[in-house]
Amino acid sequence: MAFFKLGAVSFGGGYAIIPLIEQEVVENKKWLEREKIIDIFSVAQALPGAIAINASTFVGYSVAGIPGAIAALLGNVTPSVVIVMTLSVLFTRISGYPAVKSIFKAIYPVVVGLILYAA
């Protein structure tokens, strides 16, 4: 549940969730020592994949073995999956409206401009 809560309220990518994980795991729950969580963040960053998912899986494994790793992973990922699926269903339902089509036609040049600016 701790990682479900973190996954639901963390915005800004994996690096933004690091202090939240540290506070929850070290200070609030007292599952791990600060040195251990720093080691976990180092290994999670070195491995391929999202640092938040890697770190939550390692914390879960350190606390409760393989079941803990699975629970922490699912807790971290589930809120994002539910939100994206809900928005997909919503978009599918409204994408046929003329107003929505017009909005997206207006957004296309802006997106191209942002990509060109970034390049």
PDB file of N, CA and C in Angstrom:
ATOM      1  N   MET A   1       0.820  -1.200   0.000  1.00  0.00           N
ATOM      2  CA  MET A   1       0.000   0.000   0.000  1.00  0.00           C
ATOM      3  C   MET A   1       0.862   1.261   0.000  1.00  0.00           C
ATOM      4  N   ALA A   2       2.027   1.183   0.625  1.00  0.00           N
ATOM      5  CA  ALA A   2       2.916   2.347   0.648  1.00  0.00           C
ATOM      6  C   ALA A   2       3.329   2.729  -0.762  1.00  0.00           C
ATOM      7  N   PHE A   3       3.675   1.745  -1.585  1.00  0.00           N
ATOM      8  CA  PHE A   3       4.106   2.050  -2.947  1.00  0.00           C
ATOM      9  C   PHE A   3       2.924   2.390  -3.847  1.00  0.00           C
ATOM     10  N   PHE A   4       1.752   1.885  -3.546  1.00  0.00           N
ATOM     11  CA  PHE A   4       0.553   2.282  -4.288  1.00  0.00           C
ATOM     12  C   PHE A   4       0.306   3.771  -4.062  1.00  0.00           C
ATOM     13  N   LYS A   5       0.412   4.199  -2.810  1.00  0.00           N
ATOM     14  CA  LYS A   5       0.228   5.613  -2.481  1.00  0.00           C
ATOM     15  C   LYS A   5       1.283   6.466  -3.181  1.00  0.00           C
ATOM     16  N   LEU A   6       2.529   6.020  -3.146  1.00  0.00           N
ATOM     17  CA  LEU A   6       3.601   6.774  -3.802  1.00  0.00           C
ATOM     18  C   LEU A   6       3.390   6.834  -5.313  1.00  0.00           C
ATOM     19  N   GLY A   7       2.993   5.724  -5.902  1.00  0.00           N
ATOM     20  CA  GLY A   7       2.752   5.697  -7.340  1.00  0.00           C
ATOM     21  C   GLY A   7       1.596   6.582  -7.763  1.00  0.00           C
ATOM     22  N   ALA A   8       0.627   6.745  -6.859  1.00  0.00           N
ATOM     23  CA  ALA A   8      -0.551   7.550  -7.192  1.00  0.00           C
ATOM     24  C   ALA A   8      -0.288   9.045  -7.079  1.00  0.00           C
ATOM     25  N   VAL A   9       0.625   9.453  -6.221  1.00  0.00           N
ATOM     26  CA  VAL A   9       0.812  10.889  -5.981  1.00  0.00           C
ATOM     27  C   VAL A   9       2.120  11.447  -6.511  1.00  0.00           C
ATOM     28  N   SER A  10       2.949  10.616  -7.083  1.00  0.00           N
ATOM     29  CA  SER A  10       4.243  11.110  -7.558  1.00  0.00           C
ATOM     30  C   SER A  10       4.148  11.506  -9.029  1.00  0.00           C
ATOM     31  N   PHE A  11       4.601  12.699  -9.310  1.00  0.00           N
ATOM     32  CA  PHE A  11       4.616  13.209 -10.674  1.00  0.00           C
ATOM     33  C   PHE A  11       6.015  13.734 -10.952  1.00  0.00           C
ATOM     34  N   GLY A  12       6.441  13.677 -12.187  1.00  0.00           N
ATOM     35  CA  GLY A  12       7.722  14.236 -12.551  1.00  0.00           C
ATOM     36  C   GLY A  12       8.775  13.206 -12.890  1.00  0.00           C
ATOM     37  N   GLY A  13       8.414  11.958 -12.960  1.00  0.00           N
ATOM     38  CA  GLY A  13       9.374  10.936 -13.338  1.00  0.00           C
ATOM     39  C   GLY A  13      10.024  10.262 -12.145  1.00  0.00           C
ATOM     40  N   GLY A  14      10.911   9.334 -12.467  1.00  0.00           N
ATOM     41  CA  GLY A  14      11.539   8.499 -11.450  1.00  0.00           C
ATOM     42  C   GLY A  14      12.361   9.250 -10.427  1.00  0.00           C
ATOM     43  N   TYR A  15      13.093  10.258 -10.870  1.00  0.00           N
ATOM     44  CA  TYR A  15      13.962  10.973  -9.936  1.00  0.00           C
ATOM     45  C   TYR A  15      13.157  11.807  -8.943  1.00  0.00           C
ATOM     46  N   ALA A  16      11.949  12.192  -9.306  1.00  0.00           N
ATOM     47  CA  ALA A  16      11.107  12.967  -8.399  1.00  0.00           C
ATOM     48  C   ALA A  16      10.570  12.114  -7.254  1.00  0.00           C
ATOM     49  N   ILE A  17      10.483  10.801  -7.468  1.00  0.00           N
ATOM     50  CA  ILE A  17       9.923   9.926  -6.441  1.00  0.00           C
ATOM     51  C   ILE A  17      10.979   9.456  -5.433  1.00  0.00           C
ATOM     52  N   ILE A  18      12.261   9.641  -5.745  1.00  0.00           N
ATOM     53  CA  ILE A  18      13.323   9.153  -4.859  1.00  0.00           C
ATOM     54  C   ILE A  18      13.189   9.710  -3.442  1.00  0.00           C
ATOM     55  N   PRO A  19      13.040  11.013  -3.253  1.00  0.00           N
ATOM     56  CA  PRO A  19      12.898  11.505  -1.877  1.00  0.00           C
ATOM     57  C   PRO A  19      11.637  10.980  -1.184  1.00  0.00           C
ATOM     58  N   LEU A  20      10.577  10.768  -1.953  1.00  0.00           N
ATOM     59  CA  LEU A  20       9.346  10.239  -1.375  1.00  0.00           C
ATOM     60  C   LEU A  20       9.527   8.801  -0.906  1.00  0.00           C
ATOM     61  N   ILE A  21      10.209   8.000  -1.720  1.00  0.00           N
ATOM     62  CA  ILE A  21      10.495   6.617  -1.319  1.00  0.00           C
ATOM     63  C   ILE A  21      11.364   6.617  -0.076  1.00  0.00           C
ATOM     64  N   GLU A  22      12.389   7.445  -0.077  1.00  0.00           N
ATOM     65  CA  GLU A  22      13.283   7.494   1.083  1.00  0.00           C
ATOM     66  C   GLU A  22      12.528   7.887   2.352  1.00  0.00           C
ATOM     67  N   GLN A  23      11.693   8.900   2.264  1.00  0.00           N
ATOM     68  CA  GLN A  23      10.949   9.329   3.441  1.00  0.00           C
ATOM     69  C   GLN A  23      10.011   8.228   3.936  1.00  0.00           C
ATOM     70  N   GLU A  24       9.316   7.590   3.018  1.00  0.00           N
ATOM     71  CA  GLU A  24       8.359   6.553   3.402  1.00  0.00           C
ATOM     72  C   GLU A  24       9.052   5.326   3.980  1.00  0.00           C
ATOM     73  N   VAL A  25      10.127   4.887   3.332  1.00  0.00           N
ATOM     74  CA  VAL A  25      10.784   3.638   3.715  1.00  0.00           C
ATOM     75  C   VAL A  25      11.684   3.811   4.935  1.00  0.00           C
ATOM     76  N   VAL A  26      12.417   4.925   4.999  1.00  0.00           N
ATOM     77  CA  VAL A  26      13.394   5.112   6.080  1.00  0.00           C
ATOM     78  C   VAL A  26      12.761   5.789   7.290  1.00  0.00           C
ATOM     79  N   GLU A  27      12.044   6.881   7.066  1.00  0.00           N
ATOM     80  CA  GLU A  27      11.557   7.675   8.187  1.00  0.00           C
ATOM     81  C   GLU A  27      10.181   7.227   8.693  1.00  0.00           C
ATOM     82  N   ASN A  28       9.234   7.027   7.785  1.00  0.00           N
ATOM     83  CA  ASN A  28       7.876   6.696   8.223  1.00  0.00           C
ATOM     84  C   ASN A  28       7.730   5.235   8.637  1.00  0.00           C
ATOM     85  N   LYS A  29       8.091   4.310   7.748  1.00  0.00           N
ATOM     86  CA  LYS A  29       7.901   2.881   8.014  1.00  0.00           C
ATOM     87  C   LYS A  29       9.073   2.249   8.768  1.00  0.00           C
ATOM     88  N   LYS A  30      10.254   2.865   8.647  1.00  0.00           N
ATOM     89  CA  LYS A  30      11.478   2.346   9.270  1.00  0.00           C
ATOM     90  C   LYS A  30      11.774   0.899   8.836  1.00  0.00           C
ATOM     91  N   TRP A  31      11.561   0.651   7.532  1.00  0.00           N
ATOM     92  CA  TRP A  31      11.838  -0.660   6.983  1.00  0.00           C
ATOM     93  C   TRP A  31      13.330  -0.862   6.743  1.00  0.00           C
ATOM     94  N   LEU A  32      14.015   0.220   6.324  1.00  0.00           N
ATOM     95  CA  LEU A  32      15.432   0.132   5.971  1.00  0.00           C
ATOM     96  C   LEU A  32      16.192   1.301   6.577  1.00  0.00           C
ATOM     97  N   GLU A  33      17.499   1.104   6.698  1.00  0.00           N
ATOM     98  CA  GLU A  33      18.393   2.177   7.136  1.00  0.00           C
ATOM     99  C   GLU A  33      18.713   3.077   5.938  1.00  0.00           C
ATOM    100  N   ARG A  34      19.119   4.296   6.207  1.00  0.00           N
ATOM    101  CA  ARG A  34      19.445   5.260   5.157  1.00  0.00           C
ATOM    102  C   ARG A  34      20.553   4.739   4.234  1.00  0.00           C
ATOM    103  N   GLU A  35      21.553   4.087   4.775  1.00  0.00           N
ATOM    104  CA  GLU A  35      22.662   3.560   3.957  1.00  0.00           C
ATOM    105  C   GLU A  35      22.163   2.504   2.977  1.00  0.00           C
ATOM    106  N   LYS A  36      21.239   1.659   3.424  1.00  0.00           N
ATOM    107  CA  LYS A  36      20.699   0.605   2.554  1.00  0.00           C
ATOM    108  C   LYS A  36      19.882   1.204   1.413  1.00  0.00           C
ATOM    109  N   ILE A  37      19.082   2.234   1.706  1.00  0.00           N
ATOM    110  CA  ILE A  37      18.264   2.830   0.651  1.00  0.00           C
ATOM    111  C   ILE A  37      19.138   3.568  -0.364  1.00  0.00           C
ATOM    112  N   ILE A  38      20.236   4.147   0.091  1.00  0.00           N
ATOM    113  CA  ILE A  38      21.165   4.790  -0.843  1.00  0.00           C
ATOM    114  C   ILE A  38      21.787   3.746  -1.766  1.00  0.00           C
ATOM    115  N   ASP A  39      22.147   2.598  -1.226  1.00  0.00           N
ATOM    116  CA  ASP A  39      22.664   1.502  -2.059  1.00  0.00           C
ATOM    117  C   ASP A  39      21.612   1.039  -3.064  1.00  0.00           C
ATOM    118  N   ILE A  40      20.376   0.938  -2.608  1.00  0.00           N
ATOM    119  CA  ILE A  40      19.293   0.512  -3.505  1.00  0.00           C
ATOM    120  C   ILE A  40      19.120   1.515  -4.636  1.00  0.00           C
ATOM    121  N   PHE A  41      19.142   2.808  -4.330  1.00  0.00           N
ATOM    122  CA  PHE A  41      19.001   3.821  -5.377  1.00  0.00           C
ATOM    123  C   PHE A  41      20.161   3.755  -6.367  1.00  0.00           C
ATOM    124  N   SER A  42      21.361   3.476  -5.876  1.00  0.00           N
ATOM    125  CA  SER A  42      22.523   3.375  -6.764  1.00  0.00           C
ATOM    126  C   SER A  42      22.378   2.215  -7.734  1.00  0.00           C
ATOM    127  N   VAL A  43      21.981   1.066  -7.227  1.00  0.00           N
ATOM    128  CA  VAL A  43      21.806  -0.104  -8.091  1.00  0.00           C
ATOM    129  C   VAL A  43      20.619   0.108  -9.033  1.00  0.00           C
ATOM    130  N   ALA A  44      19.525   0.693  -8.527  1.00  0.00           N
ATOM    131  CA  ALA A  44      18.338   0.925  -9.363  1.00  0.00           C
ATOM    132  C   ALA A  44      18.649   1.862 -10.515  1.00  0.00           C
ATOM    133  N   GLN A  45      19.512   2.836 -10.272  1.00  0.00           N
ATOM    134  CA  GLN A  45      19.884   3.769 -11.336  1.00  0.00           C
ATOM    135  C   GLN A  45      20.786   3.107 -12.363  1.00  0.00           C
ATOM    136  N   ALA A  46      21.620   2.181 -11.930  1.00  0.00           N
ATOM    137  CA  ALA A  46      22.563   1.539 -12.840  1.00  0.00           C
ATOM    138  C   ALA A  46      21.891   0.524 -13.764  1.00  0.00           C
ATOM    139  N   LEU A  47      20.761  -0.017 -13.348  1.00  0.00           N
ATOM    140  CA  LEU A  47      20.077  -1.028 -14.153  1.00  0.00           C
ATOM    141  C   LEU A  47      19.172  -0.384 -15.189  1.00  0.00           C
ATOM    142  N   PRO A  48      18.907  -1.086 -16.283  1.00  0.00           N
ATOM    143  CA  PRO A  48      17.967  -0.540 -17.271  1.00  0.00           C
ATOM    144  C   PRO A  48      16.551  -0.517 -16.698  1.00  0.00           C
ATOM    145  N   GLY A  49      15.786   0.431 -17.144  1.00  0.00           N
ATOM    146  CA  GLY A  49      14.415   0.557 -16.673  1.00  0.00           C
ATOM    147  C   GLY A  49      14.242   1.805 -15.828  1.00  0.00           C
ATOM    148  N   ALA A  50      13.017   2.020 -15.429  1.00  0.00           N
ATOM    149  CA  ALA A  50      12.690   3.208 -14.629  1.00  0.00           C
ATOM    150  C   ALA A  50      13.247   3.054 -13.217  1.00  0.00           C
ATOM    151  N   ILE A  51      13.883   4.100 -12.733  1.00  0.00           N
ATOM    152  CA  ILE A  51      14.520   4.038 -11.416  1.00  0.00           C
ATOM    153  C   ILE A  51      13.479   3.837 -10.309  1.00  0.00           C
ATOM    154  N   ALA A  52      12.310   4.429 -10.441  1.00  0.00           N
ATOM    155  CA  ALA A  52      11.280   4.287  -9.413  1.00  0.00           C
ATOM    156  C   ALA A  52      10.799   2.841  -9.316  1.00  0.00           C
ATOM    157  N   ILE A  53      10.626   2.200 -10.454  1.00  0.00           N
ATOM    158  CA  ILE A  53      10.174   0.811 -10.460  1.00  0.00           C
ATOM    159  C   ILE A  53      11.265  -0.105  -9.936  1.00  0.00           C
ATOM    160  N   ASN A  54      12.494   0.121 -10.392  1.00  0.00           N
ATOM    161  CA  ASN A  54      13.608  -0.690  -9.899  1.00  0.00           C
ATOM    162  C   ASN A  54      13.785  -0.525  -8.392  1.00  0.00           C
ATOM    163  N   ALA A  55      13.744   0.716  -7.915  1.00  0.00           N
ATOM    164  CA  ALA A  55      13.949   0.975  -6.487  1.00  0.00           C
ATOM    165  C   ALA A  55      12.831   0.367  -5.655  1.00  0.00           C
ATOM    166  N   SER A  56      11.600   0.520  -6.090  1.00  0.00           N
ATOM    167  CA  SER A  56      10.499  -0.045  -5.316  1.00  0.00           C
ATOM    168  C   SER A  56      10.591  -1.570  -5.270  1.00  0.00           C
ATOM    169  N   THR A  57      10.991  -2.181  -6.361  1.00  0.00           N
ATOM    170  CA  THR A  57      11.139  -3.630  -6.380  1.00  0.00           C
ATOM    171  C   THR A  57      12.246  -4.074  -5.436  1.00  0.00           C
ATOM    172  N   PHE A  58      13.370  -3.372  -5.440  1.00  0.00           N
ATOM    173  CA  PHE A  58      14.466  -3.723  -4.530  1.00  0.00           C
ATOM    174  C   PHE A  58      14.080  -3.515  -3.071  1.00  0.00           C
ATOM    175  N   VAL A  59      13.349  -2.450  -2.782  1.00  0.00           N
ATOM    176  CA  VAL A  59      12.902  -2.218  -1.402  1.00  0.00           C
ATOM    177  C   VAL A  59      11.965  -3.336  -0.974  1.00  0.00           C
ATOM    178  N   GLY A  60      11.021  -3.668  -1.834  1.00  0.00           N
ATOM    179  CA  GLY A  60      10.098  -4.765  -1.521  1.00  0.00           C
ATOM    180  C   GLY A  60      10.828  -6.065  -1.285  1.00  0.00           C
ATOM    181  N   TYR A  61      11.839  -6.340  -2.107  1.00  0.00           N
ATOM    182  CA  TYR A  61      12.623  -7.564  -1.933  1.00  0.00           C
ATOM    183  C   TYR A  61      13.413  -7.526  -0.628  1.00  0.00           C
ATOM    184  N   SER A  62      13.975  -6.379  -0.297  1.00  0.00           N
ATOM    185  CA  SER A  62      14.759  -6.259   0.938  1.00  0.00           C
ATOM    186  C   SER A  62      13.888  -6.434   2.175  1.00  0.00           C
ATOM    187  N   VAL A  63      12.644  -6.018   2.089  1.00  0.00           N
ATOM    188  CA  VAL A  63      11.758  -6.077   3.252  1.00  0.00           C
ATOM    189  C   VAL A  63      11.077  -7.440   3.372  1.00  0.00           C
ATOM    190  N   ALA A  64      10.604  -7.996   2.248  1.00  0.00           N
ATOM    191  CA  ALA A  64       9.779  -9.204   2.331  1.00  0.00           C
ATOM    192  C   ALA A  64      10.080 -10.249   1.263  1.00  0.00           C
ATOM    193  N   GLY A  65      11.268 -10.220   0.675  1.00  0.00           N
ATOM    194  CA  GLY A  65      11.623 -11.234  -0.318  1.00  0.00           C
ATOM    195  C   GLY A  65      10.865 -11.059  -1.624  1.00  0.00           C
ATOM    196  N   ILE A  66      10.694 -12.150  -2.340  1.00  0.00           N
ATOM    197  CA  ILE A  66      10.044 -12.106  -3.657  1.00  0.00           C
ATOM    198  C   ILE A  66       8.591 -11.626  -3.565  1.00  0.00           C
ATOM    199  N   PRO A  67       7.793 -12.091  -2.603  1.00  0.00           N
ATOM    200  CA  PRO A  67       6.430 -11.537  -2.513  1.00  0.00           C
ATOM    201  C   PRO A  67       6.432 -10.020  -2.269  1.00  0.00           C
ATOM    202  N   GLY A  68       7.371  -9.536  -1.485  1.00  0.00           N
ATOM    203  CA  GLY A  68       7.480  -8.099  -1.246  1.00  0.00           C
ATOM    204  C   GLY A  68       7.865  -7.349  -2.498  1.00  0.00           C
ATOM    205  N   ALA A  69       8.766  -7.926  -3.296  1.00  0.00           N
ATOM    206  CA  ALA A  69       9.168  -7.294  -4.552  1.00  0.00           C
ATOM    207  C   ALA A  69       7.986  -7.192  -5.505  1.00  0.00           C
ATOM    208  N   ILE A  70       7.210  -8.256  -5.597  1.00  0.00           N
ATOM    209  CA  ILE A  70       6.042  -8.258  -6.484  1.00  0.00           C
ATOM    210  C   ILE A  70       5.007  -7.252  -5.993  1.00  0.00           C
ATOM    211  N   ALA A  71       4.761  -7.231  -4.691  1.00  0.00           N
ATOM    212  CA  ALA A  71       3.773  -6.307  -4.131  1.00  0.00           C
ATOM    213  C   ALA A  71       4.196  -4.856  -4.342  1.00  0.00           C
ATOM    214  N   ALA A  72       5.462  -4.553  -4.104  1.00  0.00           N
ATOM    215  CA  ALA A  72       5.949  -3.181  -4.278  1.00  0.00           C
ATOM    216  C   ALA A  72       5.896  -2.773  -5.750  1.00  0.00           C
ATOM    217  N   LEU A  73       6.277  -3.675  -6.635  1.00  0.00           N
ATOM    218  CA  LEU A  73       6.228  -3.386  -8.070  1.00  0.00           C
ATOM    219  C   LEU A  73       4.799  -3.110  -8.514  1.00  0.00           C
ATOM    220  N   LEU A  74       3.879  -3.993  -8.154  1.00  0.00           N
ATOM    221  CA  LEU A  74       2.482  -3.795  -8.540  1.00  0.00           C
ATOM    222  C   LEU A  74       1.898  -2.547  -7.892  1.00  0.00           C
ATOM    223  N   GLY A  75       2.266  -2.282  -6.657  1.00  0.00           N
ATOM    224  CA  GLY A  75       1.787  -1.087  -5.983  1.00  0.00           C
ATOM    225  C   GLY A  75       2.244   0.185  -6.670  1.00  0.00           C
ATOM    226  N   ASN A  76       3.466   0.181  -7.153  1.00  0.00           N
ATOM    227  CA  ASN A  76       4.011   1.371  -7.804  1.00  0.00           C
ATOM    228  C   ASN A  76       3.428   1.580  -9.199  1.00  0.00           C
ATOM    229  N   VAL A  77       3.188   0.516  -9.921  1.00  0.00           N
ATOM    230  CA  VAL A  77       2.766   0.609 -11.318  1.00  0.00           C
ATOM    231  C   VAL A  77       1.246   0.727 -11.478  1.00  0.00           C
ATOM    232  N   THR A  78       0.482   0.123 -10.588  1.00  0.00           N
ATOM    233  CA  THR A  78      -0.968   0.047 -10.747  1.00  0.00           C
ATOM    234  C   THR A  78      -1.657   1.407 -10.891  1.00  0.00           C
ATOM    235  N   PRO A  79      -1.346   2.413 -10.069  1.00  0.00           N
ATOM    236  CA  PRO A  79      -2.044   3.699 -10.257  1.00  0.00           C
ATOM    237  C   PRO A  79      -1.845   4.288 -11.651  1.00  0.00           C
ATOM    238  N   SER A  80      -0.644   4.219 -12.176  1.00  0.00           N
ATOM    239  CA  SER A  80      -0.377   4.764 -13.511  1.00  0.00           C
ATOM    240  C   SER A  80      -1.146   3.999 -14.577  1.00  0.00           C
ATOM    241  N   VAL A  81      -1.175   2.691 -14.465  1.00  0.00           N
ATOM    242  CA  VAL A  81      -1.887   1.872 -15.448  1.00  0.00           C
ATOM    243  C   VAL A  81      -3.381   2.189 -15.417  1.00  0.00           C
ATOM    244  N   VAL A  82      -3.942   2.308 -14.226  1.00  0.00           N
ATOM    245  CA  VAL A  82      -5.371   2.614 -14.100  1.00  0.00           C
ATOM    246  C   VAL A  82      -5.678   3.994 -14.684  1.00  0.00           C
ATOM    247  N   ILE A  83      -4.838   4.973 -14.396  1.00  0.00           N
ATOM    248  CA  ILE A  83      -5.067   6.326 -14.913  1.00  0.00           C
ATOM    249  C   ILE A  83      -4.974   6.347 -16.437  1.00  0.00           C
ATOM    250  N   VAL A  84      -3.958   5.710 -16.999  1.00  0.00           N
ATOM    251  CA  VAL A  84      -3.787   5.703 -18.459  1.00  0.00           C
ATOM    252  C   VAL A  84      -4.939   4.956 -19.130  1.00  0.00           C
ATOM    253  N   MET A  85      -5.363   3.841 -18.558  1.00  0.00           N
ATOM    254  CA  MET A  85      -6.474   3.096 -19.169  1.00  0.00           C
ATOM    255  C   MET A  85      -7.771   3.894 -19.095  1.00  0.00           C
ATOM    256  N   THR A  86      -7.991   4.588 -17.989  1.00  0.00           N
ATOM    257  CA  THR A  86      -9.186   5.413 -17.857  1.00  0.00           C
ATOM    258  C   THR A  86      -9.177   6.549 -18.878  1.00  0.00           C
ATOM    259  N   LEU A  87      -8.032   7.210 -19.025  1.00  0.00           N
ATOM    260  CA  LEU A  87      -7.935   8.285 -20.014  1.00  0.00           C
ATOM    261  C   LEU A  87      -8.078   7.759 -21.435  1.00  0.00           C
ATOM    262  N   SER A  88      -7.581   6.555 -21.697  1.00  0.00           N
ATOM    263  CA  SER A  88      -7.729   5.959 -23.032  1.00  0.00           C
ATOM    264  C   SER A  88      -9.187   5.708 -23.361  1.00  0.00           C
ATOM    265  N   VAL A  89      -9.908   5.161 -22.403  1.00  0.00           N
ATOM    266  CA  VAL A  89     -11.337   4.916 -22.614  1.00  0.00           C
ATOM    267  C   VAL A  89     -12.071   6.233 -22.834  1.00  0.00           C
ATOM    268  N   LEU A  90     -11.757   7.224 -22.016  1.00  0.00           N
ATOM    269  CA  LEU A  90     -12.383   8.540 -22.155  1.00  0.00           C
ATOM    270  C   LEU A  90     -12.072   9.149 -23.521  1.00  0.00           C
ATOM    271  N   PHE A  91     -10.809   9.083 -23.925  1.00  0.00           N
ATOM    272  CA  PHE A  91     -10.432   9.648 -25.223  1.00  0.00           C
ATOM    273  C   PHE A  91     -11.125   8.914 -26.362  1.00  0.00           C
ATOM    274  N   THR A  92     -11.224   7.603 -26.261  1.00  0.00           N
ATOM    275  CA  THR A  92     -11.885   6.830 -27.314  1.00  0.00           C
ATOM    276  C   THR A  92     -13.339   7.258 -27.453  1.00  0.00           C
ATOM    277  N   ARG A  93     -13.974   7.551 -26.342  1.00  0.00           N
ATOM    278  CA  ARG A  93     -15.385   7.951 -26.376  1.00  0.00           C
ATOM    279  C   ARG A  93     -15.592   9.351 -26.943  1.00  0.00           C
ATOM    280  N   ILE A  94     -14.643  10.260 -26.728  1.00  0.00           N
ATOM    281  CA  ILE A  94     -14.857  11.641 -27.177  1.00  0.00           C
ATOM    282  C   ILE A  94     -14.101  11.991 -28.449  1.00  0.00           C
ATOM    283  N   SER A  95     -13.271  11.089 -28.955  1.00  0.00           N
ATOM    284  CA  SER A  95     -12.424  11.433 -30.104  1.00  0.00           C
ATOM    285  C   SER A  95     -13.211  11.667 -31.385  1.00  0.00           C
ATOM    286  N   GLY A  96     -14.422  11.199 -31.476  1.00  0.00           N
ATOM    287  CA  GLY A  96     -15.211  11.373 -32.685  1.00  0.00           C
ATOM    288  C   GLY A  96     -15.927  12.707 -32.776  1.00  0.00           C
ATOM    289  N   TYR A  97     -15.981  13.448 -31.694  1.00  0.00           N
ATOM    290  CA  TYR A  97     -16.678  14.744 -31.709  1.00  0.00           C
ATOM    291  C   TYR A  97     -15.916  15.754 -32.567  1.00  0.00           C
ATOM    292  N   PRO A  98     -16.648  16.549 -33.352  1.00  0.00           N
ATOM    293  CA  PRO A  98     -15.994  17.534 -34.221  1.00  0.00           C
ATOM    294  C   PRO A  98     -15.123  18.532 -33.450  1.00  0.00           C
ATOM    295  N   ALA A  99     -15.562  18.957 -32.275  1.00  0.00           N
ATOM    296  CA  ALA A  99     -14.777  19.917 -31.493  1.00  0.00           C
ATOM    297  C   ALA A  99     -13.434  19.317 -31.089  1.00  0.00           C
ATOM    298  N   VAL A 100     -13.440  18.045 -30.714  1.00  0.00           N
ATOM    299  CA  VAL A 100     -12.196  17.379 -30.312  1.00  0.00           C
ATOM    300  C   VAL A 100     -11.278  17.221 -31.518  1.00  0.00           C
ATOM    301  N   LYS A 101     -11.843  16.860 -32.663  1.00  0.00           N
ATOM    302  CA  LYS A 101     -11.029  16.749 -33.882  1.00  0.00           C
ATOM    303  C   LYS A 101     -10.398  18.095 -34.236  1.00  0.00           C
ATOM    304  N   SER A 102     -11.145  19.170 -34.082  1.00  0.00           N
ATOM    305  CA  SER A 102     -10.616  20.505 -34.385  1.00  0.00           C
ATOM    306  C   SER A 102      -9.492  20.881 -33.432  1.00  0.00           C
ATOM    307  N   ILE A 103      -9.666  20.543 -32.175  1.00  0.00           N
ATOM    308  CA  ILE A 103      -8.621  20.840 -31.184  1.00  0.00           C
ATOM    309  C   ILE A 103      -7.331  20.118 -31.545  1.00  0.00           C
ATOM    310  N   PHE A 104      -7.443  18.850 -31.910  1.00  0.00           N
ATOM    311  CA  PHE A 104      -6.232  18.098 -32.252  1.00  0.00           C
ATOM    312  C   PHE A 104      -5.606  18.586 -33.552  1.00  0.00           C
ATOM    313  N   LYS A 105      -6.420  19.051 -34.505  1.00  0.00           N
ATOM    314  CA  LYS A 105      -5.845  19.636 -35.715  1.00  0.00           C
ATOM    315  C   LYS A 105      -5.053  20.890 -35.386  1.00  0.00           C
ATOM    316  N   ALA A 106      -5.504  21.647 -34.399  1.00  0.00           N
ATOM    317  CA  ALA A 106      -4.782  22.851 -33.981  1.00  0.00           C
ATOM    318  C   ALA A 106      -3.525  22.507 -33.189  1.00  0.00           C
ATOM    319  N   ILE A 107      -3.539  21.382 -32.502  1.00  0.00           N
ATOM    320  CA  ILE A 107      -2.387  20.998 -31.672  1.00  0.00           C
ATOM    321  C   ILE A 107      -1.242  20.447 -32.525  1.00  0.00           C
ATOM    322  N   TYR A 108      -1.533  19.795 -33.625  1.00  0.00           N
ATOM    323  CA  TYR A 108      -0.483  19.181 -34.446  1.00  0.00           C
ATOM    324  C   TYR A 108       0.645  20.137 -34.811  1.00  0.00           C
ATOM    325  N   PRO A 109       0.363  21.340 -35.335  1.00  0.00           N
ATOM    326  CA  PRO A 109       1.466  22.245 -35.673  1.00  0.00           C
ATOM    327  C   PRO A 109       2.273  22.670 -34.438  1.00  0.00           C
ATOM    328  N   VAL A 110       1.610  22.793 -33.314  1.00  0.00           N
ATOM    329  CA  VAL A 110       2.310  23.163 -32.088  1.00  0.00           C
ATOM    330  C   VAL A 110       3.291  22.067 -31.684  1.00  0.00           C
ATOM    331  N   VAL A 111       2.854  20.822 -31.791  1.00  0.00           N
ATOM    332  CA  VAL A 111       3.725  19.689 -31.454  1.00  0.00           C
ATOM    333  C   VAL A 111       4.926  19.646 -32.396  1.00  0.00           C
ATOM    334  N   VAL A 112       4.687  19.845 -33.673  1.00  0.00           N
ATOM    335  CA  VAL A 112       5.787  19.867 -34.644  1.00  0.00           C
ATOM    336  C   VAL A 112       6.756  20.998 -34.310  1.00  0.00           C
ATOM    337  N   GLY A 113       6.232  22.142 -33.964  1.00  0.00           N
ATOM    338  CA  GLY A 113       7.080  23.272 -33.592  1.00  0.00           C
ATOM    339  C   GLY A 113       7.904  22.970 -32.350  1.00  0.00           C
ATOM    340  N   LEU A 114       7.319  22.346 -31.360  1.00  0.00           N
ATOM    341  CA  LEU A 114       8.060  21.990 -30.143  1.00  0.00           C
ATOM    342  C   LEU A 114       9.161  20.979 -30.437  1.00  0.00           C
ATOM    343  N   ILE A 115       8.871  20.024 -31.298  1.00  0.00           N
ATOM    344  CA  ILE A 115       9.889  19.029 -31.667  1.00  0.00           C
ATOM    345  C   ILE A 115      11.036  19.707 -32.428  1.00  0.00           C
ATOM    346  N   LEU A 116      10.697  20.584 -33.362  1.00  0.00           N
ATOM    347  CA  LEU A 116      11.737  21.299 -34.105  1.00  0.00           C
ATOM    348  C   LEU A 116      12.560  22.199 -33.174  1.00  0.00           C
ATOM    349  N   TYR A 117      11.899  22.850 -32.247  1.00  0.00           N
ATOM    350  CA  TYR A 117      12.606  23.706 -31.288  1.00  0.00           C
ATOM    351  C   TYR A 117      13.575  22.864 -30.432  1.00  0.00           C
ATOM    352  N   ALA A 118      13.117  21.707 -29.994  1.00  0.00           N
ATOM    353  CA  ALA A 118      13.978  20.833 -29.195  1.00  0.00           C
ATOM    354  C   ALA A 118      15.153  20.314 -30.013  1.00  0.00           C
ATOM    355  N   ALA A 119      14.910  20.043 -31.284  1.00  0.00           N
ATOM    356  CA  ALA A 119      15.990  19.533 -32.139  1.00  0.00           C
ATOM    357  C   ALA A 119      17.002  20.631 -32.394  1.00  0.00           C
TER     358      ALA A 119
END
